[in-house]
Amino acid sequence: MFNAAKRYAQSQDPAQRNKVAIVDDAGEHTYVQLLQDARKVKSALGDNDYKGASIAMLVPNGYQYAAVQWGIWAAGGAVVPLSPMHPDRELEYFITNSEAKTLVCHPALLSNVQPVLDRMPGQISVVSTDVIQDLPNLPLGDDLVVDDEQGALFIYTSGTTGKPKGVVLTHANIAAQITDLEEAWGWTPEDRLLHVLPLHHLHGIIVALCTALWSGATTEMLPKFDKDRVWNRIIDGPQDVSIIMGVPTMYARL
């Protein structure tokens, strides 16, 4: 997952080292910065053996989402992505069913999950993204590696006929899907994705965000889908967006 970022970080070309990975409302973020912040997340999680362990994350759409995701993977954990749109009882179900004992949470979303924490005193360790951002940068090295056969992502089904069921994808599963998409769609580092999808399903996480980062492209992330903002960006913004993905409801609104 980290290969494109590592290539940029190791390049002697300043343009390559400054390649932008993600643009959000806070500004531009390079691939080198993404690697550094992933190391911060790994450091903030501590020295526990997270190999294959479920680690939940509740982070809004934006650069920090990717940094936390990569940091959990670097620590050896399997990401359990939680959605700000889910009520607290659903959040509780995903946390308990996945057996997550650690939650990385953005402070603005702590109130969403606080009722769950109150019902489970002392059972969940919470790491704030604010704490992570305050950590100093760590030297760039070659320590960000993953085990291909290890669980990487804990995704839940829609639960149409019963409780949602957790499906664990390994790093090899994710790599297989991404490389197929990269080849079929012809992704290149020159692509620019306008990302408007939620980040608790495969479409937003793997098909969109992870494929873009794997390919070394740039991802422009909106906090959520907003039809007016999407149109304004496409019509009035720089004419550099080459990819946008959505679901039928989004296209109908557009």
C-alpha atoms as a PDB file:
ATOM      1  CA  MET A   1       0.000   0.000   0.000  1.00  0.00           C
ATOM      2  CA  PHE A   2       2.883   2.344   0.774  1.00  0.00           C
ATOM      3  CA  ASN A   3       4.952   1.741  -2.380  1.00  0.00           C
ATOM      4  CA  ALA A   4       4.055   4.881  -4.331  1.00  0.00           C
ATOM      5  CA  ALA A   5       4.552   7.062  -1.261  1.00  0.00           C
ATOM      6  CA  LYS A   6       7.941   5.470  -0.591  1.00  0.00           C
ATOM      7  CA  ARG A   7       9.037   6.081  -4.174  1.00  0.00           C
ATOM      8  CA  TYR A   8       8.191   9.768  -3.830  1.00  0.00           C
ATOM      9  CA  ALA A   9       9.939   9.967  -0.445  1.00  0.00           C
ATOM     10  CA  GLN A  10      13.116   8.359  -1.790  1.00  0.00           C
ATOM     11  CA  SER A  11      13.258  10.466  -4.960  1.00  0.00           C
ATOM     12  CA  GLN A  12      15.991  13.067  -5.383  1.00  0.00           C
ATOM     13  CA  ASP A  13      13.642  15.120  -7.558  1.00  0.00           C
ATOM     14  CA  PRO A  14      12.039  17.903  -5.457  1.00  0.00           C
ATOM     15  CA  ALA A  15       8.871  17.735  -7.565  1.00  0.00           C
ATOM     16  CA  GLN A  16       8.522  14.037  -6.765  1.00  0.00           C
ATOM     17  CA  ARG A  17       9.199  14.548  -3.054  1.00  0.00           C
ATOM     18  CA  ASN A  18       6.542  17.277  -2.998  1.00  0.00           C
ATOM     19  CA  LYS A  19       3.937  15.230  -4.862  1.00  0.00           C
ATOM     20  CA  VAL A  20       0.522  15.992  -3.376  1.00  0.00           C
ATOM     21  CA  ALA A  21      -1.355  12.934  -2.120  1.00  0.00           C
ATOM     22  CA  ILE A  22      -4.496  14.530  -0.696  1.00  0.00           C
ATOM     23  CA  VAL A  23      -6.182  17.911  -0.824  1.00  0.00           C
ATOM     24  CA  ASP A  24      -8.896  18.720   1.707  1.00  0.00           C
ATOM     25  CA  ASP A  25     -10.377  21.784   3.369  1.00  0.00           C
ATOM     26  CA  ALA A  26      -7.199  22.133   5.465  1.00  0.00           C
ATOM     27  CA  GLY A  27      -4.945  22.361   2.416  1.00  0.00           C
ATOM     28  CA  GLU A  28      -2.506  20.172   0.482  1.00  0.00           C
ATOM     29  CA  HIS A  29      -0.752  17.147   1.973  1.00  0.00           C
ATOM     30  CA  THR A  30       2.160  15.365   0.322  1.00  0.00           C
ATOM     31  CA  TYR A  31       2.944  11.673   0.178  1.00  0.00           C
ATOM     32  CA  VAL A  32       6.014  12.297   2.340  1.00  0.00           C
ATOM     33  CA  GLN A  33       3.802  13.953   4.968  1.00  0.00           C
ATOM     34  CA  LEU A  34       1.387  11.017   4.764  1.00  0.00           C
ATOM     35  CA  LEU A  35       4.206   8.569   5.535  1.00  0.00           C
ATOM     36  CA  GLN A  36       5.385  10.729   8.431  1.00  0.00           C
ATOM     37  CA  ASP A  37       1.897  11.021   9.906  1.00  0.00           C
ATOM     38  CA  ALA A  38       1.296   7.284   9.508  1.00  0.00           C
ATOM     39  CA  ARG A  39       4.395   6.766  11.632  1.00  0.00           C
ATOM     40  CA  LYS A  40       2.959   9.175  14.210  1.00  0.00           C
ATOM     41  CA  VAL A  41      -0.239   7.117  14.380  1.00  0.00           C
ATOM     42  CA  LYS A  42       1.783   3.941  14.780  1.00  0.00           C
ATOM     43  CA  SER A  43       3.799   5.598  17.560  1.00  0.00           C
ATOM     44  CA  ALA A  44       0.660   6.898  19.315  1.00  0.00           C
ATOM     45  CA  LEU A  45      -0.808   3.394  19.374  1.00  0.00           C
ATOM     46  CA  GLY A  46       2.145   2.274  21.481  1.00  0.00           C
ATOM     47  CA  ASP A  47       4.167  -0.899  21.644  1.00  0.00           C
ATOM     48  CA  ASN A  48       1.259  -3.317  21.966  1.00  0.00           C
ATOM     49  CA  ASP A  49       1.186  -6.316  19.650  1.00  0.00           C
ATOM     50  CA  TYR A  50      -1.585  -5.304  17.270  1.00  0.00           C
ATOM     51  CA  LYS A  51      -0.854  -8.003  14.685  1.00  0.00           C
ATOM     52  CA  GLY A  52      -4.243  -8.858  13.232  1.00  0.00           C
ATOM     53  CA  ALA A  53      -6.087  -7.012  16.019  1.00  0.00           C
ATOM     54  CA  SER A  54      -9.136  -4.909  15.199  1.00  0.00           C
ATOM     55  CA  ILE A  55      -8.627  -1.161  15.688  1.00  0.00           C
ATOM     56  CA  ALA A  56     -11.675   1.046  15.168  1.00  0.00           C
ATOM     57  CA  MET A  57     -11.422   4.529  13.694  1.00  0.00           C
ATOM     58  CA  LEU A  58     -13.949   7.360  13.653  1.00  0.00           C
ATOM     59  CA  VAL A  59     -12.429  10.098  11.522  1.00  0.00           C
ATOM     60  CA  PRO A  60     -14.167  12.454   9.053  1.00  0.00           C
ATOM     61  CA  ASN A  61     -13.472  12.390   5.331  1.00  0.00           C
ATOM     62  CA  GLY A  62     -10.185  14.114   4.692  1.00  0.00           C
ATOM     63  CA  TYR A  63      -6.436  13.746   4.963  1.00  0.00           C
ATOM     64  CA  GLN A  64      -6.476  12.534   8.570  1.00  0.00           C
ATOM     65  CA  TYR A  65      -8.598   9.558   7.575  1.00  0.00           C
ATOM     66  CA  ALA A  66      -5.848   8.275   5.267  1.00  0.00           C
ATOM     67  CA  ALA A  67      -3.088   8.983   7.808  1.00  0.00           C
ATOM     68  CA  VAL A  68      -4.925   7.055  10.538  1.00  0.00           C
ATOM     69  CA  GLN A  69      -5.746   4.175   8.200  1.00  0.00           C
ATOM     70  CA  TRP A  70      -2.109   3.843   7.120  1.00  0.00           C
ATOM     71  CA  GLY A  71      -0.892   4.175  10.707  1.00  0.00           C
ATOM     72  CA  ILE A  72      -3.143   1.338  11.905  1.00  0.00           C
ATOM     73  CA  TRP A  73      -1.867  -0.829   9.066  1.00  0.00           C
ATOM     74  CA  ALA A  74       1.725   0.084   9.936  1.00  0.00           C
ATOM     75  CA  ALA A  75       1.053  -0.994  13.526  1.00  0.00           C
ATOM     76  CA  GLY A  76      -0.195  -4.370  12.264  1.00  0.00           C
ATOM     77  CA  GLY A  77      -3.883  -3.789  12.985  1.00  0.00           C
ATOM     78  CA  ALA A  78      -7.029  -4.372  10.980  1.00  0.00           C
ATOM     79  CA  VAL A  79      -9.019  -1.188  10.391  1.00  0.00           C
ATOM     80  CA  VAL A  80     -12.659  -1.114  11.534  1.00  0.00           C
ATOM     81  CA  PRO A  81     -14.007   2.042   9.813  1.00  0.00           C
ATOM     82  CA  LEU A  82     -16.870   3.679  11.686  1.00  0.00           C
ATOM     83  CA  SER A  83     -19.177   6.246  10.150  1.00  0.00           C
ATOM     84  CA  PRO A  84     -20.240   9.592  11.667  1.00  0.00           C
ATOM     85  CA  MET A  85     -23.668   8.831  10.168  1.00  0.00           C
ATOM     86  CA  HIS A  86     -24.219   5.750  12.334  1.00  0.00           C
ATOM     87  CA  PRO A  87     -26.227   6.026  15.586  1.00  0.00           C
ATOM     88  CA  ASP A  88     -24.406   5.054  18.761  1.00  0.00           C
ATOM     89  CA  ARG A  89     -26.068   1.623  19.006  1.00  0.00           C
ATOM     90  CA  GLU A  90     -24.698   0.700  15.580  1.00  0.00           C
ATOM     91  CA  LEU A  91     -21.272   2.012  16.522  1.00  0.00           C
ATOM     92  CA  GLU A  92     -21.403  -0.131  19.636  1.00  0.00           C
ATOM     93  CA  TYR A  93     -22.336  -3.199  17.613  1.00  0.00           C
ATOM     94  CA  PHE A  94     -19.438  -2.718  15.180  1.00  0.00           C
ATOM     95  CA  ILE A  95     -16.951  -2.139  17.999  1.00  0.00           C
ATOM     96  CA  THR A  96     -18.036  -5.117  20.080  1.00  0.00           C
ATOM     97  CA  ASN A  97     -18.623  -7.496  17.178  1.00  0.00           C
ATOM     98  CA  SER A  98     -15.185  -6.779  15.718  1.00  0.00           C
ATOM     99  CA  GLU A  99     -13.666  -7.100  19.229  1.00  0.00           C
ATOM    100  CA  ALA A 100     -11.896  -3.763  18.834  1.00  0.00           C
ATOM    101  CA  LYS A 101     -10.212  -2.652  22.058  1.00  0.00           C
ATOM    102  CA  THR A 102      -8.747   0.558  20.646  1.00  0.00           C
ATOM    103  CA  LEU A 103     -10.483   3.480  18.950  1.00  0.00           C
ATOM    104  CA  VAL A 104      -8.743   6.289  17.080  1.00  0.00           C
ATOM    105  CA  CYS A 105     -11.194   9.187  17.133  1.00  0.00           C
ATOM    106  CA  HIS A 106     -11.312  12.750  15.864  1.00  0.00           C
ATOM    107  CA  PRO A 107     -12.261  15.084  18.754  1.00  0.00           C
ATOM    108  CA  ALA A 108     -15.168  16.553  16.779  1.00  0.00           C
ATOM    109  CA  LEU A 109     -16.724  13.077  16.605  1.00  0.00           C
ATOM    110  CA  LEU A 110     -16.087  11.955  20.173  1.00  0.00           C
ATOM    111  CA  SER A 111     -19.634  12.889  21.183  1.00  0.00           C
ATOM    112  CA  ASN A 112     -20.939  10.406  18.592  1.00  0.00           C
ATOM    113  CA  VAL A 113     -19.309   7.512  20.377  1.00  0.00           C
ATOM    114  CA  GLN A 114     -19.326   8.804  23.971  1.00  0.00           C
ATOM    115  CA  PRO A 115     -22.558   6.934  24.890  1.00  0.00           C
ATOM    116  CA  VAL A 116     -20.839   3.715  23.801  1.00  0.00           C
ATOM    117  CA  LEU A 117     -17.789   4.470  25.930  1.00  0.00           C
ATOM    118  CA  ASP A 118     -20.057   5.248  28.877  1.00  0.00           C
ATOM    119  CA  ARG A 119     -21.740   1.853  28.502  1.00  0.00           C
ATOM    120  CA  MET A 120     -18.343   0.123  28.255  1.00  0.00           C
ATOM    121  CA  PRO A 121     -16.233   1.816  30.963  1.00  0.00           C
ATOM    122  CA  GLY A 122     -12.566   0.911  30.770  1.00  0.00           C
ATOM    123  CA  GLN A 123     -13.022  -1.502  27.875  1.00  0.00           C
ATOM    124  CA  ILE A 124     -12.002   0.766  24.995  1.00  0.00           C
ATOM    125  CA  SER A 125      -8.766   2.720  24.774  1.00  0.00           C
ATOM    126  CA  VAL A 126      -9.285   6.006  22.895  1.00  0.00           C
ATOM    127  CA  VAL A 127      -6.508   7.738  20.956  1.00  0.00           C
ATOM    128  CA  SER A 128      -7.289  11.279  19.777  1.00  0.00           C
ATOM    129  CA  THR A 129      -6.133  12.466  16.384  1.00  0.00           C
ATOM    130  CA  ASP A 130      -5.173  15.742  18.100  1.00  0.00           C
ATOM    131  CA  VAL A 131      -2.587  13.896  20.183  1.00  0.00           C
ATOM    132  CA  ILE A 132      -1.195  12.273  17.060  1.00  0.00           C
ATOM    133  CA  GLN A 133      -0.785  15.580  15.231  1.00  0.00           C
ATOM    134  CA  ASP A 134       1.134  17.012  18.196  1.00  0.00           C
ATOM    135  CA  LEU A 135       3.818  14.307  17.996  1.00  0.00           C
ATOM    136  CA  PRO A 136       7.147  15.241  16.366  1.00  0.00           C
ATOM    137  CA  ASN A 137       7.998  13.909  12.923  1.00  0.00           C
ATOM    138  CA  LEU A 138       9.908  10.629  12.975  1.00  0.00           C
ATOM    139  CA  PRO A 139      12.831   9.950  10.613  1.00  0.00           C
ATOM    140  CA  LEU A 140      11.784   8.503   7.292  1.00  0.00           C
ATOM    141  CA  GLY A 141      12.782   4.847   7.148  1.00  0.00           C
ATOM    142  CA  ASP A 142      11.699   1.558   5.676  1.00  0.00           C
ATOM    143  CA  ASP A 143       9.698   0.391   8.690  1.00  0.00           C
ATOM    144  CA  LEU A 144       6.231   0.682   7.122  1.00  0.00           C
ATOM    145  CA  VAL A 145       5.586  -2.892   6.018  1.00  0.00           C
ATOM    146  CA  VAL A 146       2.557  -5.165   6.128  1.00  0.00           C
ATOM    147  CA  ASP A 147       1.959  -8.917   6.119  1.00  0.00           C
ATOM    148  CA  ASP A 148       0.019  -9.725   2.937  1.00  0.00           C
ATOM    149  CA  GLU A 149      -1.956 -12.522   4.581  1.00  0.00           C
ATOM    150  CA  GLN A 150      -2.889 -10.517   7.659  1.00  0.00           C
ATOM    151  CA  GLY A 151      -6.309  -8.949   8.186  1.00  0.00           C
ATOM    152  CA  ALA A 152      -6.342  -5.340   7.006  1.00  0.00           C
ATOM    153  CA  LEU A 153      -9.944  -4.186   6.822  1.00  0.00           C
ATOM    154  CA  PHE A 154     -13.067  -5.186   8.768  1.00  0.00           C
ATOM    155  CA  ILE A 155     -16.035  -4.220   6.562  1.00  0.00           C
ATOM    156  CA  TYR A 156     -19.682  -4.809   7.501  1.00  0.00           C
ATOM    157  CA  THR A 157     -22.443  -5.897   5.155  1.00  0.00           C
ATOM    158  CA  SER A 158     -25.590  -3.802   4.885  1.00  0.00           C
ATOM    159  CA  GLY A 159     -27.578  -6.111   7.167  1.00  0.00           C
ATOM    160  CA  THR A 160     -30.611  -6.309   4.867  1.00  0.00           C
ATOM    161  CA  THR A 161     -31.914  -9.589   6.313  1.00  0.00           C
ATOM    162  CA  GLY A 162     -30.390  -9.406   9.794  1.00  0.00           C
ATOM    163  CA  LYS A 163     -27.482  -7.953  11.727  1.00  0.00           C
ATOM    164  CA  PRO A 164     -24.619  -6.697   9.548  1.00  0.00           C
ATOM    165  CA  LYS A 165     -21.889  -9.307   9.187  1.00  0.00           C
ATOM    166  CA  GLY A 166     -18.225  -8.485   9.459  1.00  0.00           C
ATOM    167  CA  VAL A 167     -16.021  -9.446   6.514  1.00  0.00           C
ATOM    168  CA  VAL A 168     -12.255  -9.356   7.001  1.00  0.00           C
ATOM    169  CA  LEU A 169     -10.122  -8.496   3.972  1.00  0.00           C
ATOM    170  CA  THR A 170      -6.398  -9.215   4.007  1.00  0.00           C
ATOM    171  CA  HIS A 171      -3.760  -6.932   2.547  1.00  0.00           C
ATOM    172  CA  ALA A 172      -3.474  -9.441  -0.317  1.00  0.00           C
ATOM    173  CA  ASN A 173      -7.226  -9.154  -0.979  1.00  0.00           C
ATOM    174  CA  ILE A 174      -6.963  -5.367  -1.119  1.00  0.00           C
ATOM    175  CA  ALA A 175      -3.862  -5.442  -3.341  1.00  0.00           C
ATOM    176  CA  ALA A 176      -5.565  -7.814  -5.792  1.00  0.00           C
ATOM    177  CA  GLN A 177      -8.593  -5.547  -6.139  1.00  0.00           C
ATOM    178  CA  ILE A 178      -6.510  -2.383  -6.467  1.00  0.00           C
ATOM    179  CA  THR A 179      -4.110  -3.761  -9.080  1.00  0.00           C
ATOM    180  CA  ASP A 180      -7.033  -5.007 -11.178  1.00  0.00           C
ATOM    181  CA  LEU A 181      -8.667  -1.575 -10.994  1.00  0.00           C
ATOM    182  CA  GLU A 182      -5.405   0.200 -11.739  1.00  0.00           C
ATOM    183  CA  GLU A 183      -4.902  -1.866 -14.880  1.00  0.00           C
ATOM    184  CA  ALA A 184      -8.527  -1.846 -16.069  1.00  0.00           C
ATOM    185  CA  TRP A 185      -9.048   1.885 -15.621  1.00  0.00           C
ATOM    186  CA  GLY A 186      -5.554   3.008 -16.556  1.00  0.00           C
ATOM    187  CA  TRP A 187      -4.796   4.938 -13.356  1.00  0.00           C
ATOM    188  CA  THR A 188      -1.647   7.103 -13.524  1.00  0.00           C
ATOM    189  CA  PRO A 189       0.113   9.479 -11.114  1.00  0.00           C
ATOM    190  CA  GLU A 190      -1.269  12.364 -13.200  1.00  0.00           C
ATOM    191  CA  ASP A 191      -4.862  11.501 -12.283  1.00  0.00           C
ATOM    192  CA  ARG A 192      -6.845  13.602  -9.833  1.00  0.00           C
ATOM    193  CA  LEU A 193      -9.815  12.049  -8.034  1.00  0.00           C
ATOM    194  CA  LEU A 194     -12.646  14.147  -6.626  1.00  0.00           C
ATOM    195  CA  HIS A 195     -13.652  11.995  -3.647  1.00  0.00           C
ATOM    196  CA  VAL A 196     -17.225  12.460  -2.378  1.00  0.00           C
ATOM    197  CA  LEU A 197     -18.075   8.941  -1.131  1.00  0.00           C
ATOM    198  CA  PRO A 198     -18.542   7.799   2.483  1.00  0.00           C
ATOM    199  CA  LEU A 199     -15.570   5.978   3.948  1.00  0.00           C
ATOM    200  CA  HIS A 200     -17.066   2.914   5.604  1.00  0.00           C
ATOM    201  CA  HIS A 201     -17.747   0.905   2.426  1.00  0.00           C
ATOM    202  CA  LEU A 202     -15.425  -0.662  -0.158  1.00  0.00           C
ATOM    203  CA  HIS A 203     -16.404   1.860  -2.833  1.00  0.00           C
ATOM    204  CA  GLY A 204     -15.103   4.880  -0.960  1.00  0.00           C
ATOM    205  CA  ILE A 205     -12.221   3.155   0.825  1.00  0.00           C
ATOM    206  CA  ILE A 206     -10.705   0.761  -1.700  1.00  0.00           C
ATOM    207  CA  VAL A 207     -12.122   1.513  -5.145  1.00  0.00           C
ATOM    208  CA  ALA A 208     -11.605   5.258  -4.757  1.00  0.00           C
ATOM    209  CA  LEU A 209      -9.156   6.358  -2.041  1.00  0.00           C
ATOM    210  CA  CYS A 210      -6.753   3.419  -1.818  1.00  0.00           C
ATOM    211  CA  THR A 211      -6.524   2.901  -5.576  1.00  0.00           C
ATOM    212  CA  ALA A 212      -5.647   6.577  -6.043  1.00  0.00           C
ATOM    213  CA  LEU A 213      -2.956   6.457  -3.356  1.00  0.00           C
ATOM    214  CA  TRP A 214      -1.601   3.143  -4.649  1.00  0.00           C
ATOM    215  CA  SER A 215      -1.274   4.705  -8.110  1.00  0.00           C
ATOM    216  CA  GLY A 216       0.485   7.809  -6.824  1.00  0.00           C
ATOM    217  CA  ALA A 217      -2.365  10.049  -7.952  1.00  0.00           C
ATOM    218  CA  THR A 218      -3.842  13.049  -6.123  1.00  0.00           C
ATOM    219  CA  THR A 219      -7.127  12.784  -4.222  1.00  0.00           C
ATOM    220  CA  GLU A 220      -9.234  15.861  -3.547  1.00  0.00           C
ATOM    221  CA  MET A 221     -11.521  14.998  -0.627  1.00  0.00           C
ATOM    222  CA  LEU A 222     -14.753  16.786   0.231  1.00  0.00           C
ATOM    223  CA  PRO A 223     -16.105  16.386   3.793  1.00  0.00           C
ATOM    224  CA  LYS A 224     -19.289  14.890   2.323  1.00  0.00           C
ATOM    225  CA  PHE A 225     -21.255  14.818  -0.902  1.00  0.00           C
ATOM    226  CA  ASP A 226     -22.722  18.221  -1.705  1.00  0.00           C
ATOM    227  CA  LYS A 227     -24.155  18.586  -5.209  1.00  0.00           C
ATOM    228  CA  ASP A 228     -23.617  22.336  -5.398  1.00  0.00           C
ATOM    229  CA  ARG A 229     -20.041  22.074  -4.215  1.00  0.00           C
ATOM    230  CA  VAL A 230     -19.314  19.251  -6.657  1.00  0.00           C
ATOM    231  CA  TRP A 231     -20.695  21.236  -9.610  1.00  0.00           C
ATOM    232  CA  ASN A 232     -18.894  24.402  -8.528  1.00  0.00           C
ATOM    233  CA  ARG A 233     -15.620  22.495  -8.282  1.00  0.00           C
ATOM    234  CA  ILE A 234     -16.010  20.899 -11.704  1.00  0.00           C
ATOM    235  CA  ILE A 235     -17.210  24.036 -13.506  1.00  0.00           C
ATOM    236  CA  ASP A 236     -15.381  26.869 -11.764  1.00  0.00           C
ATOM    237  CA  GLY A 237     -12.310  25.145 -10.309  1.00  0.00           C
ATOM    238  CA  PRO A 238      -9.080  24.128 -12.059  1.00  0.00           C
ATOM    239  CA  GLN A 239      -9.824  21.765 -14.932  1.00  0.00           C
ATOM    240  CA  ASP A 240      -7.685  18.964 -13.526  1.00  0.00           C
ATOM    241  CA  VAL A 241     -10.224  16.501 -12.079  1.00  0.00           C
ATOM    242  CA  SER A 242     -10.003  13.340 -14.167  1.00  0.00           C
ATOM    243  CA  ILE A 243     -12.060  10.947 -12.024  1.00  0.00           C
ATOM    244  CA  ILE A 244     -15.183  11.213  -9.912  1.00  0.00           C
ATOM    245  CA  MET A 245     -17.089   8.282  -8.445  1.00  0.00           C
ATOM    246  CA  GLY A 246     -20.541   8.095  -6.936  1.00  0.00           C
ATOM    247  CA  VAL A 247     -23.666   6.015  -6.502  1.00  0.00           C
ATOM    248  CA  PRO A 248     -26.933   6.431  -8.462  1.00  0.00           C
ATOM    249  CA  THR A 249     -28.488   8.676  -5.793  1.00  0.00           C
ATOM    250  CA  MET A 250     -25.581  11.117  -6.127  1.00  0.00           C
ATOM    251  CA  TYR A 251     -25.821  11.191  -9.910  1.00  0.00           C
ATOM    252  CA  ALA A 252     -29.590  11.770  -9.700  1.00  0.00           C
ATOM    253  CA  ARG A 253     -28.998  14.779  -7.437  1.00  0.00           C
ATOM    254  CA  LEU A 254     -26.391  16.147  -9.788  1.00  0.00           C
END
